[in-house]
């Protein structure tokens, strides 16, 4: 997924990483207006955060019991 205003020159990247363009797929999806520190705060406060993250990231955080301490300001 791309962010508004970003630029990407796939042709230039393909020169350095042959085969890249065959593997890249852009997905149209809504952007979530949330920062990483907000997700960490939600975890520390015991608030829901699951649907702000890709499944693998969520599972990693749960398995390693990350961000359970309050986030310093």
Protein backbone atom coordinates (compact mmCIF):
# COMPACT_ATOMS: atom_id res chain seq x y z
CA UNK A 1 0.00 0.00 0.00
CA UNK A 2 1.30 3.44 -0.84
CA UNK A 3 1.08 6.59 1.19
CA UNK A 4 -0.26 9.82 -0.29
CA UNK A 5 2.47 11.85 -1.94
CA UNK A 6 5.09 9.11 -2.08
CA UNK A 7 7.00 8.36 -5.25
CA UNK A 8 8.47 5.13 -6.42
CA UNK A 9 10.60 4.48 -9.47
CA UNK A 10 10.14 0.75 -10.03
CA UNK A 11 12.30 0.81 -13.16
CA UNK A 12 15.27 2.16 -11.19
CA UNK A 13 14.71 -0.38 -8.42
CA UNK A 14 14.42 -3.18 -10.96
CA UNK A 15 17.94 -2.40 -12.18
CA UNK A 16 19.32 -3.01 -8.69
CA UNK A 17 16.89 -5.78 -7.74
CA UNK A 18 16.09 -7.81 -10.86
CA UNK A 19 12.69 -9.49 -10.66
CA UNK A 20 11.30 -6.98 -8.18
CA UNK A 21 8.50 -5.64 -10.37
CA UNK A 22 7.12 -9.14 -10.88
CA UNK A 23 6.78 -9.49 -7.10
CA UNK A 24 5.38 -6.07 -6.18
CA UNK A 25 1.61 -5.60 -5.87
CA UNK A 26 -0.02 -2.40 -4.70
CA UNK A 27 -3.21 -2.75 -2.70
CA UNK A 28 -5.85 -0.04 -2.53
CA UNK A 29 -6.93 0.22 1.08
CA UNK A 30 -7.96 3.01 3.44
CA UNK A 31 -5.17 4.58 5.46
CA UNK A 32 -5.52 4.44 9.22
CA UNK A 33 -4.67 7.69 10.92
CA UNK A 34 -2.83 6.20 13.88
CA UNK A 35 0.81 6.39 14.93
CA UNK A 36 2.93 3.61 16.40
CA UNK A 37 3.10 5.38 19.77
CA UNK A 38 -0.71 5.38 19.90
CA UNK A 39 -0.78 1.62 19.31
CA UNK A 40 1.84 1.08 22.02
CA UNK A 41 -0.23 3.24 24.40
CA UNK A 42 -3.38 1.23 23.61
CA UNK A 43 -1.54 -2.00 24.43
CA UNK A 44 -0.15 -0.61 27.69
CA UNK A 45 -3.61 0.63 28.71
CA UNK A 46 -5.29 -2.68 27.85
CA UNK A 47 -7.37 -1.09 25.08
CA UNK A 48 -8.14 -2.86 21.78
CA UNK A 49 -5.44 -2.66 19.13
CA UNK A 50 -5.71 -5.88 17.10
CA UNK A 51 -7.21 -4.38 13.96
CA UNK A 52 -4.62 -1.64 13.66
CA UNK A 53 -1.92 -4.22 12.87
CA UNK A 54 -1.14 -6.95 10.36
CA UNK A 55 -1.83 -10.40 11.82
CA UNK A 56 1.85 -11.39 12.03
CA UNK A 57 2.77 -8.21 13.90
CA UNK A 58 -0.13 -8.67 16.32
CA UNK A 59 0.87 -12.28 17.02
CA UNK A 60 4.51 -11.28 17.58
CA UNK A 61 3.51 -8.60 20.09
CA UNK A 62 1.25 -11.03 21.96
CA UNK A 63 3.78 -13.90 21.92
CA UNK A 64 6.56 -11.67 23.25
CA UNK A 65 4.32 -9.75 25.65
CA UNK A 66 5.51 -6.40 24.28
CA UNK A 67 4.46 -2.87 25.28
CA UNK A 68 2.66 -3.86 28.48
CA UNK A 69 4.41 -1.10 30.42
CA UNK A 70 2.97 2.44 30.23
CA UNK A 71 4.40 4.53 27.42
CA UNK A 72 6.55 7.46 28.67
CA UNK A 73 5.48 10.87 27.44
